[in-house]
C-alpha atoms as a PDB file:
ATOM      1  CA  MET A   1     -12.010  -7.311  -2.922  1.00  0.00           C
ATOM      2  CA  VAL A   2      -9.916  -4.149  -3.047  1.00  0.00           C
ATOM      3  CA  MET A   3      -6.265  -3.876  -2.028  1.00  0.00           C
ATOM      4  CA  PRO A   4      -5.124  -0.301  -1.241  1.00  0.00           C
ATOM      5  CA  VAL A   5      -1.470  -1.055  -1.924  1.00  0.00           C
ATOM      6  CA  GLY A   6      -0.641   2.536  -2.865  1.00  0.00           C
ATOM      7  CA  ALA A   7      -1.395   3.875   0.617  1.00  0.00           C
ATOM      8  CA  PRO A   8       1.511   5.264   2.681  1.00  0.00           C
ATOM      9  CA  SER A   9       0.436   3.504   5.890  1.00  0.00           C
ATOM     10  CA  PHE A  10      -1.981   0.905   7.194  1.00  0.00           C
ATOM     11  CA  ARG A  11      -4.092   3.644   8.730  1.00  0.00           C
ATOM     12  CA  GLU A  12      -4.480   5.375   5.380  1.00  0.00           C
ATOM     13  CA  GLY A  13      -5.047   2.084   3.534  1.00  0.00           C
ATOM     14  CA  LEU A  14      -7.879   1.225   5.897  1.00  0.00           C
ATOM     15  CA  ARG A  15      -9.423   4.658   5.380  1.00  0.00           C
ATOM     16  CA  TRP A  16      -9.248   4.181   1.615  1.00  0.00           C
ATOM     17  CA  GLY A  17     -10.918   0.797   1.918  1.00  0.00           C
ATOM     18  CA  VAL A  18     -13.734   2.182   4.069  1.00  0.00           C
ATOM     19  CA  GLU A  19     -14.304   5.046   1.645  1.00  0.00           C
ATOM     20  CA  ILE A  20     -14.439   2.657  -1.318  1.00  0.00           C
ATOM     21  CA  TYR A  21     -16.830   0.384   0.585  1.00  0.00           C
ATOM     22  CA  GLN A  22     -19.213   3.287   1.167  1.00  0.00           C
ATOM     23  CA  SER A  23     -18.759   4.425  -2.438  1.00  0.00           C
ATOM     24  CA  LEU A  24     -19.670   0.936  -3.625  1.00  0.00           C
ATOM     25  CA  LYS A  25     -22.829   1.001  -1.533  1.00  0.00           C
ATOM     26  CA  LYS A  26     -23.871   4.195  -3.319  1.00  0.00           C
ATOM     27  CA  VAL A  27     -22.968   2.803  -6.767  1.00  0.00           C
ATOM     28  CA  LEU A  28     -25.108  -0.272  -6.096  1.00  0.00           C
ATOM     29  CA  HIS A  29     -27.980   1.739  -4.653  1.00  0.00           C
ATOM     30  CA  ASP A  30     -27.983   4.186  -7.554  1.00  0.00           C
ATOM     31  CA  GLY A  31     -27.926   1.271  -9.978  1.00  0.00           C
ATOM     32  CA  GLY A  32     -31.007  -0.260  -8.401  1.00  0.00           C
ATOM     33  CA  TYR A  33     -29.117  -3.201  -6.853  1.00  0.00           C
ATOM     34  CA  SER A  34     -29.443  -4.680  -3.375  1.00  0.00           C
ATOM     35  CA  THR A  35     -27.063  -3.420  -0.698  1.00  0.00           C
ATOM     36  CA  ASN A  36     -27.632  -6.334   1.678  1.00  0.00           C
ATOM     37  CA  VAL A  37     -24.394  -7.832   2.955  1.00  0.00           C
ATOM     38  CA  GLY A  38     -23.129 -11.393   3.222  1.00  0.00           C
ATOM     39  CA  ASP A  39     -21.572 -13.142   6.205  1.00  0.00           C
ATOM     40  CA  GLU A  40     -18.190 -11.430   5.714  1.00  0.00           C
ATOM     41  CA  GLY A  41     -19.661  -7.951   5.424  1.00  0.00           C
ATOM     42  CA  GLY A  42     -19.401  -7.699   1.644  1.00  0.00           C
ATOM     43  CA  PHE A  43     -22.304  -6.683  -0.560  1.00  0.00           C
ATOM     44  CA  ALA A  44     -24.218  -9.487  -2.242  1.00  0.00           C
ATOM     45  CA  PRO A  45     -26.264  -8.079  -5.142  1.00  0.00           C
ATOM     46  CA  SER A  46     -27.537 -10.031  -8.142  1.00  0.00           C
ATOM     47  CA  LEU A  47     -25.694  -8.249 -10.925  1.00  0.00           C
ATOM     48  CA  GLY A  48     -26.580 -10.496 -13.856  1.00  0.00           C
ATOM     49  CA  GLY A  49     -22.992 -11.130 -14.933  1.00  0.00           C
ATOM     50  CA  ASN A  50     -19.558 -11.894 -13.544  1.00  0.00           C
ATOM     51  CA  VAL A  51     -17.708  -9.028 -15.233  1.00  0.00           C
ATOM     52  CA  LYS A  52     -20.314  -6.620 -13.849  1.00  0.00           C
ATOM     53  CA  ALA A  53     -18.943  -7.250 -10.358  1.00  0.00           C
ATOM     54  CA  ILE A  54     -15.523  -5.987 -11.440  1.00  0.00           C
ATOM     55  CA  GLU A  55     -17.050  -3.011 -13.211  1.00  0.00           C
ATOM     56  CA  VAL A  56     -19.036  -1.762 -10.226  1.00  0.00           C
ATOM     57  CA  ILE A  57     -15.988  -2.071  -7.951  1.00  0.00           C
ATOM     58  CA  MET A  58     -13.855  -0.168 -10.478  1.00  0.00           C
ATOM     59  CA  LYS A  59     -16.515   2.562 -10.544  1.00  0.00           C
ATOM     60  CA  ALA A  60     -16.587   2.670  -6.739  1.00  0.00           C
ATOM     61  CA  ILE A  61     -12.803   3.064  -6.570  1.00  0.00           C
ATOM     62  CA  GLU A  62     -12.886   5.944  -9.025  1.00  0.00           C
ATOM     63  CA  GLN A  63     -15.850   7.679  -7.389  1.00  0.00           C
ATOM     64  CA  ALA A  64     -14.035   7.495  -4.039  1.00  0.00           C
ATOM     65  CA  GLY A  65     -11.217   9.489  -5.668  1.00  0.00           C
ATOM     66  CA  TYR A  66      -8.646   6.727  -6.180  1.00  0.00           C
ATOM     67  CA  ARG A  67      -6.911   5.301  -9.249  1.00  0.00           C
ATOM     68  CA  PRO A  68      -7.441   1.621 -10.087  1.00  0.00           C
ATOM     69  CA  GLY A  69      -4.134  -0.009 -10.909  1.00  0.00           C
ATOM     70  CA  GLU A  70      -2.110   2.657  -9.105  1.00  0.00           C
ATOM     71  CA  ASP A  71      -3.618   3.407  -5.702  1.00  0.00           C
ATOM     72  CA  VAL A  72      -5.875   0.380  -5.477  1.00  0.00           C
ATOM     73  CA  TYR A  73      -5.811  -3.076  -7.072  1.00  0.00           C
ATOM     74  CA  ILE A  74      -8.437  -5.798  -7.186  1.00  0.00           C
ATOM     75  CA  ALA A  75      -8.282  -9.246  -5.587  1.00  0.00           C
ATOM     76  CA  LEU A  76     -10.627 -12.123  -6.428  1.00  0.00           C
ATOM     77  CA  ASP A  77     -11.778 -15.242  -4.601  1.00  0.00           C
ATOM     78  CA  PRO A  78     -14.041 -17.141  -7.025  1.00  0.00           C
ATOM     79  CA  ALA A  79     -13.926 -20.365  -4.949  1.00  0.00           C
ATOM     80  CA  SER A  80     -13.617 -22.361  -8.158  1.00  0.00           C
ATOM     81  CA  SER A  81     -13.972 -25.726  -6.425  1.00  0.00           C
ATOM     82  CA  GLN A  82     -17.674 -24.886  -6.132  1.00  0.00           C
ATOM     83  CA  LEU A  83     -17.901 -24.525  -9.916  1.00  0.00           C
ATOM     84  CA  TYR A  84     -16.040 -27.717 -10.817  1.00  0.00           C
ATOM     85  CA  ASP A  85     -17.465 -31.103 -11.777  1.00  0.00           C
ATOM     86  CA  ALA A  86     -14.747 -33.702 -11.228  1.00  0.00           C
ATOM     87  CA  GLU A  87     -16.521 -36.257 -13.423  1.00  0.00           C
ATOM     88  CA  THR A  88     -16.682 -34.039 -16.494  1.00  0.00           C
ATOM     89  CA  GLY A  89     -13.631 -31.908 -15.688  1.00  0.00           C
ATOM     90  CA  LEU A  90     -15.663 -28.796 -16.485  1.00  0.00           C
ATOM     91  CA  TYR A  91     -16.359 -25.543 -14.656  1.00  0.00           C
ATOM     92  CA  THR A  92     -19.967 -24.313 -14.743  1.00  0.00           C
ATOM     93  CA  LEU A  93     -20.620 -20.568 -14.885  1.00  0.00           C
ATOM     94  CA  GLU A  94     -24.357 -20.727 -14.300  1.00  0.00           C
ATOM     95  CA  ILE A  95     -25.074 -17.029 -14.621  1.00  0.00           C
ATOM     96  CA  GLU A  96     -23.509 -17.083 -18.102  1.00  0.00           C
ATOM     97  CA  GLY A  97     -24.824 -20.498 -19.108  1.00  0.00           C
ATOM     98  CA  ARG A  98     -21.343 -21.750 -19.935  1.00  0.00           C
ATOM     99  CA  LYS A  99     -19.248 -24.812 -19.142  1.00  0.00           C
ATOM    100  CA  LEU A 100     -15.488 -24.337 -19.410  1.00  0.00           C
ATOM    101  CA  SER A 101     -12.591 -26.755 -19.580  1.00  0.00           C
ATOM    102  CA  SER A 102      -9.542 -26.080 -17.407  1.00  0.00           C
ATOM    103  CA  ALA A 103      -7.769 -24.474 -20.365  1.00  0.00           C
ATOM    104  CA  GLU A 104     -10.780 -22.257 -21.055  1.00  0.00           C
ATOM    105  CA  MET A 105     -10.933 -21.264 -17.388  1.00  0.00           C
ATOM    106  CA  VAL A 106      -7.281 -20.239 -17.592  1.00  0.00           C
ATOM    107  CA  ASP A 107      -8.103 -18.217 -20.713  1.00  0.00           C
ATOM    108  CA  LEU A 108     -10.866 -16.438 -18.776  1.00  0.00           C
ATOM    109  CA  TRP A 109      -8.547 -15.441 -15.928  1.00  0.00           C
ATOM    110  CA  ALA A 110      -5.800 -14.351 -18.334  1.00  0.00           C
ATOM    111  CA  ASP A 111      -8.320 -12.175 -20.165  1.00  0.00           C
ATOM    112  CA  TRP A 112      -9.526 -10.591 -16.926  1.00  0.00           C
ATOM    113  CA  ALA A 113      -5.937 -10.001 -15.772  1.00  0.00           C
ATOM    114  CA  ASN A 114      -5.276  -8.117 -19.019  1.00  0.00           C
ATOM    115  CA  ARG A 115      -8.472  -6.057 -18.807  1.00  0.00           C
ATOM    116  CA  PHE A 116      -8.540  -5.172 -15.111  1.00  0.00           C
ATOM    117  CA  PRO A 117      -5.970  -4.307 -12.388  1.00  0.00           C
ATOM    118  CA  ILE A 118      -6.219  -7.731 -10.743  1.00  0.00           C
ATOM    119  CA  ILE A 119      -3.220  -8.408  -8.522  1.00  0.00           C
ATOM    120  CA  SER A 120      -4.442 -11.467  -6.606  1.00  0.00           C
ATOM    121  CA  LEU A 121      -6.531 -14.515  -7.551  1.00  0.00           C
ATOM    122  CA  GLU A 122      -7.471 -16.989  -4.825  1.00  0.00           C
ATOM    123  CA  ASP A 123      -8.636 -20.481  -5.763  1.00  0.00           C
ATOM    124  CA  GLY A 124      -8.755 -19.631  -9.442  1.00  0.00           C
ATOM    125  CA  MET A 125      -8.905 -23.354 -10.169  1.00  0.00           C
ATOM    126  CA  ALA A 126     -10.532 -26.238  -8.274  1.00  0.00           C
ATOM    127  CA  GLU A 127      -8.727 -27.852  -5.352  1.00  0.00           C
ATOM    128  CA  ASN A 128      -8.199 -31.151  -7.205  1.00  0.00           C
ATOM    129  CA  ASP A 129      -7.405 -29.633 -10.603  1.00  0.00           C
ATOM    130  CA  TRP A 130      -3.627 -29.583 -10.170  1.00  0.00           C
ATOM    131  CA  ALA A 131      -3.063 -29.661 -13.932  1.00  0.00           C
ATOM    132  CA  GLY A 132      -5.306 -26.605 -14.269  1.00  0.00           C
ATOM    133  CA  TRP A 133      -3.370 -24.812 -11.529  1.00  0.00           C
ATOM    134  CA  LYS A 134      -0.125 -25.523 -13.379  1.00  0.00           C
ATOM    135  CA  MET A 135      -1.553 -24.066 -16.596  1.00  0.00           C
ATOM    136  CA  LEU A 136      -2.752 -20.994 -14.702  1.00  0.00           C
ATOM    137  CA  HIS A 137       0.617 -20.464 -13.030  1.00  0.00           C
ATOM    138  CA  ASP A 138       2.494 -20.825 -16.304  1.00  0.00           C
ATOM    139  CA  ARG A 139       0.147 -18.331 -17.947  1.00  0.00           C
ATOM    140  CA  ILE A 140      -0.185 -15.488 -15.425  1.00  0.00           C
ATOM    141  CA  GLY A 141       1.848 -16.465 -12.349  1.00  0.00           C
ATOM    142  CA  SER A 142       4.479 -13.808 -13.035  1.00  0.00           C
ATOM    143  CA  LYS A 143       2.016 -10.924 -12.787  1.00  0.00           C
ATOM    144  CA  VAL A 144      -0.865 -12.167 -10.605  1.00  0.00           C
ATOM    145  CA  GLN A 145      -0.650 -13.542  -7.077  1.00  0.00           C
ATOM    146  CA  LEU A 146      -2.120 -17.053  -7.265  1.00  0.00           C
ATOM    147  CA  VAL A 147      -3.366 -17.922  -3.807  1.00  0.00           C
ATOM    148  CA  GLY A 148      -4.068 -21.439  -2.624  1.00  0.00           C
ATOM    149  CA  ASP A 149      -6.834 -21.843  -0.053  1.00  0.00           C
ATOM    150  CA  ASP A 150      -8.867 -24.973  -0.838  1.00  0.00           C
ATOM    151  CA  LEU A 151      -5.814 -26.227  -2.730  1.00  0.00           C
ATOM    152  CA  LEU A 152      -3.438 -25.979   0.237  1.00  0.00           C
ATOM    153  CA  VAL A 153      -5.629 -25.903   3.396  1.00  0.00           C
ATOM    154  CA  THR A 154      -2.635 -24.490   5.348  1.00  0.00           C
ATOM    155  CA  ASN A 155      -1.064 -27.971   5.209  1.00  0.00           C
ATOM    156  CA  VAL A 156       2.690 -28.292   4.705  1.00  0.00           C
ATOM    157  CA  LYS A 157       2.195 -31.480   2.675  1.00  0.00           C
ATOM    158  CA  PHE A 158       0.174 -29.625   0.053  1.00  0.00           C
ATOM    159  CA  VAL A 159       2.324 -26.504   0.279  1.00  0.00           C
ATOM    160  CA  ARG A 160       5.417 -28.602  -0.421  1.00  0.00           C
ATOM    161  CA  ARG A 161       3.796 -30.236  -3.436  1.00  0.00           C
ATOM    162  CA  ALA A 162       2.600 -26.875  -4.789  1.00  0.00           C
ATOM    163  CA  ILE A 163       6.092 -25.418  -4.467  1.00  0.00           C
ATOM    164  CA  GLN A 164       7.680 -28.395  -6.195  1.00  0.00           C
ATOM    165  CA  GLU A 165       5.152 -28.435  -9.047  1.00  0.00           C
ATOM    166  CA  GLN A 166       5.046 -24.615  -9.346  1.00  0.00           C
ATOM    167  CA  VAL A 167       1.270 -24.316  -9.329  1.00  0.00           C
ATOM    168  CA  ALA A 168       0.833 -21.301  -7.014  1.00  0.00           C
ATOM    169  CA  ASN A 169       2.855 -18.477  -5.485  1.00  0.00           C
ATOM    170  CA  ALA A 170       0.956 -17.578  -2.326  1.00  0.00           C
ATOM    171  CA  LEU A 171      -0.572 -19.281   0.716  1.00  0.00           C
ATOM    172  CA  LEU A 172      -3.841 -18.314   2.365  1.00  0.00           C
ATOM    173  CA  MET A 173      -3.051 -19.098   5.995  1.00  0.00           C
ATOM    174  CA  LYS A 174      -5.936 -20.000   8.305  1.00  0.00           C
ATOM    175  CA  VAL A 175      -4.900 -21.190  11.766  1.00  0.00           C
ATOM    176  CA  ASN A 176      -8.113 -23.083  12.463  1.00  0.00           C
ATOM    177  CA  GLN A 177      -8.045 -24.679   9.018  1.00  0.00           C
ATOM    178  CA  ILE A 178      -5.024 -26.830   9.845  1.00  0.00           C
ATOM    179  CA  GLY A 179      -5.899 -26.984  13.548  1.00  0.00           C
ATOM    180  CA  SER A 180      -2.833 -25.779  15.427  1.00  0.00           C
ATOM    181  CA  LEU A 181      -0.660 -22.677  15.558  1.00  0.00           C
ATOM    182  CA  THR A 182       2.464 -24.834  15.237  1.00  0.00           C
ATOM    183  CA  GLU A 183       1.319 -26.329  11.933  1.00  0.00           C
ATOM    184  CA  ALA A 184       0.166 -22.918  10.654  1.00  0.00           C
ATOM    185  CA  ILE A 185       3.578 -21.394  11.428  1.00  0.00           C
ATOM    186  CA  ALA A 186       5.305 -24.280   9.625  1.00  0.00           C
ATOM    187  CA  ALA A 187       3.190 -23.577   6.536  1.00  0.00           C
ATOM    188  CA  ILE A 188       4.002 -19.854   6.728  1.00  0.00           C
ATOM    189  CA  GLU A 189       7.731 -20.471   7.026  1.00  0.00           C
ATOM    190  CA  MET A 190       7.822 -23.038   4.229  1.00  0.00           C
ATOM    191  CA  SER A 191       5.984 -20.635   1.933  1.00  0.00           C
ATOM    192  CA  GLN A 192       8.197 -17.685   2.766  1.00  0.00           C
ATOM    193  CA  ARG A 193      11.386 -19.712   2.257  1.00  0.00           C
ATOM    194  CA  ALA A 194      10.116 -20.547  -1.228  1.00  0.00           C
ATOM    195  CA  GLY A 195       9.674 -16.845  -1.996  1.00  0.00           C
ATOM    196  CA  TRP A 196       5.897 -17.038  -1.805  1.00  0.00           C
ATOM    197  CA  ALA A 197       3.576 -14.443  -0.333  1.00  0.00           C
ATOM    198  CA  VAL A 198       1.418 -15.318   2.677  1.00  0.00           C
ATOM    199  CA  ILE A 199      -2.010 -13.888   3.411  1.00  0.00           C
ATOM    200  CA  THR A 200      -3.207 -14.254   6.996  1.00  0.00           C
ATOM    201  CA  SER A 201      -6.921 -14.961   6.789  1.00  0.00           C
ATOM    202  CA  HIS A 202     -10.121 -15.071   8.768  1.00  0.00           C
ATOM    203  CA  ARG A 203     -12.834 -17.638   8.104  1.00  0.00           C
ATOM    204  CA  SER A 204     -16.587 -17.369   7.709  1.00  0.00           C
ATOM    205  CA  GLY A 205     -18.400 -17.516  11.043  1.00  0.00           C
ATOM    206  CA  GLU A 206     -15.803 -15.366  12.808  1.00  0.00           C
ATOM    207  CA  SER A 207     -15.834 -14.028  16.363  1.00  0.00           C
ATOM    208  CA  GLU A 208     -14.305 -10.803  17.666  1.00  0.00           C
ATOM    209  CA  ASP A 209     -11.064 -12.616  18.502  1.00  0.00           C
ATOM    210  CA  ALA A 210      -8.342 -10.542  16.825  1.00  0.00           C
ATOM    211  CA  THR A 211      -5.403 -12.968  17.103  1.00  0.00           C
ATOM    212  CA  ILE A 212      -4.884 -13.131  13.341  1.00  0.00           C
ATOM    213  CA  ALA A 213      -4.032  -9.410  13.322  1.00  0.00           C
ATOM    214  CA  ASP A 214      -1.120 -10.119  15.673  1.00  0.00           C
ATOM    215  CA  ILE A 215      -0.068 -13.142  13.620  1.00  0.00           C
ATOM    216  CA  ALA A 216      -0.013 -11.079  10.406  1.00  0.00           C
ATOM    217  CA  VAL A 217       2.428  -8.630  11.987  1.00  0.00           C
ATOM    218  CA  ALA A 218       4.471 -11.170  13.953  1.00  0.00           C
ATOM    219  CA  PHE A 219       5.232 -13.281  10.885  1.00  0.00           C
ATOM    220  CA  ASN A 220       5.579 -10.383   8.431  1.00  0.00           C
ATOM    221  CA  THR A 221       2.959 -11.733   6.069  1.00  0.00           C
ATOM    222  CA  GLY A 222       2.267  -8.203   4.856  1.00  0.00           C
ATOM    223  CA  GLN A 223      -1.271  -9.118   3.818  1.00  0.00           C
ATOM    224  CA  ILE A 224      -4.439  -9.894   5.747  1.00  0.00           C
ATOM    225  CA  LYS A 225      -7.883 -10.938   4.571  1.00  0.00           C
ATOM    226  CA  THR A 226     -10.489 -10.222   7.179  1.00  0.00           C
ATOM    227  CA  GLY A 227     -13.642  -9.095   5.435  1.00  0.00           C
ATOM    228  CA  ALA A 228     -15.363  -5.838   4.619  1.00  0.00           C
ATOM    229  CA  PRO A 229     -15.264  -2.913   7.074  1.00  0.00           C
ATOM    230  CA  ALA A 230     -18.607  -3.878   8.546  1.00  0.00           C
ATOM    231  CA  ARG A 231     -19.723  -5.906  11.572  1.00  0.00           C
ATOM    232  CA  SER A 232     -17.805  -6.115  14.820  1.00  0.00           C
ATOM    233  CA  ASP A 233     -16.171  -9.491  14.132  1.00  0.00           C
ATOM    234  CA  ARG A 234     -14.405  -7.974  11.084  1.00  0.00           C
ATOM    235  CA  ILE A 235     -13.774  -4.509  12.514  1.00  0.00           C
ATOM    236  CA  ALA A 236     -12.065  -6.054  15.566  1.00  0.00           C
ATOM    237  CA  LYS A 237      -9.119  -7.165  13.419  1.00  0.00           C
ATOM    238  CA  TYR A 238      -8.732  -3.761  11.762  1.00  0.00           C
ATOM    239  CA  ASN A 239      -8.878  -2.041  15.158  1.00  0.00           C
ATOM    240  CA  GLN A 240      -6.162  -4.322  16.512  1.00  0.00           C
ATOM    241  CA  LEU A 241      -3.950  -3.544  13.526  1.00  0.00           C
ATOM    242  CA  LEU A 242      -4.468   0.167  14.161  1.00  0.00           C
ATOM    243  CA  ARG A 243      -3.396  -0.333  17.777  1.00  0.00           C
ATOM    244  CA  ILE A 244      -0.308  -2.294  16.699  1.00  0.00           C
ATOM    245  CA  GLU A 245       0.634   0.388  14.165  1.00  0.00           C
ATOM    246  CA  GLU A 246       0.277   3.082  16.811  1.00  0.00           C
ATOM    247  CA  GLU A 247       2.396   1.084  19.269  1.00  0.00           C
ATOM    248  CA  LEU A 248       5.141   0.489  16.690  1.00  0.00           C
ATOM    249  CA  GLY A 249       5.229   4.167  15.763  1.00  0.00           C
ATOM    250  CA  GLU A 250       7.864   5.068  13.182  1.00  0.00           C
ATOM    251  CA  THR A 251       9.087   1.473  12.978  1.00  0.00           C
ATOM    252  CA  ALA A 252       5.758   0.300  11.534  1.00  0.00           C
ATOM    253  CA  ILE A 253       6.031  -0.699   7.874  1.00  0.00           C
ATOM    254  CA  PHE A 254       3.142  -0.843   5.427  1.00  0.00           C
ATOM    255  CA  PRO A 255       4.630  -2.867   2.550  1.00  0.00           C
ATOM    256  CA  GLY A 256       2.238  -1.941  -0.269  1.00  0.00           C
ATOM    257  CA  LEU A 257       3.451  -3.488  -3.520  1.00  0.00           C
ATOM    258  CA  GLN A 258       6.524  -4.794  -1.675  1.00  0.00           C
ATOM    259  CA  ALA A 259       4.204  -7.463  -0.267  1.00  0.00           C
ATOM    260  CA  PHE A 260       4.259  -8.966  -3.779  1.00  0.00           C
ATOM    261  CA  PRO A 261       8.005  -9.552  -4.377  1.00  0.00           C
ATOM    262  CA  HIS A 262       7.231 -12.607  -6.489  1.00  0.00           C
ATOM    263  CA  LEU A 263       5.378 -10.579  -9.107  1.00  0.00           C
ATOM    264  CA  ARG A 264       6.703  -8.532 -12.022  1.00  0.00           C
ATOM    265  CA  ARG A 265       4.293  -5.639 -12.378  1.00  0.00           C
ATOM    266  CA  GLY A 266       4.178  -3.326 -15.372  1.00  0.00           C
END
């Protein structure tokens, strides 16, 4: 994913994202890769390697006229629970033919964070690998947003534990993951009191309901994850945010890097 944190407004940030999305389509097409999209509107080519995915996105950012690491940063969601074997305690990277221990997985993310302008890593470790999460947080938690999705499931019980054990620094908030708006708000407020970031998020299989756009603004989460700028169920959220920004006028704030107060960049 790309995060246009250097934009002066939401409107401009959205435009940047759309331009990079179209640039990426051209990069993939010119490279002979598929430009079919997945269920969240993102491209789903077979690139032959994990690092290649970062490289093509970096190229797309640059070809769209923006600067990686200044105008635009990269966010990852590797869904590591899908790679983890609880019996062996190993992560399988099939495309690379490798099995990694938790410590080796942390080494991989630390290496990527040094090589690329990655500002956010969601589910970098498996949902039950709390020791691995702790190692990851100790290693790169001061410079990369470590987002709990499968780890936290928008549940205050898990959020509280993660805060106490210092294994993450951001919550991915999904209202229909925990089941009620009341519980979701409690998770947001607990996270924010702890100095964490909160990302308001869609889920796969979305509709055109745009409520999460209003929630993102109402609770000052400063970040929203709602898919690529493609398909009406994703575009609906961006359109609602544009309407909110227009209604707020000069009082509208696009936080940019200020949405990451828990990180020490540079």
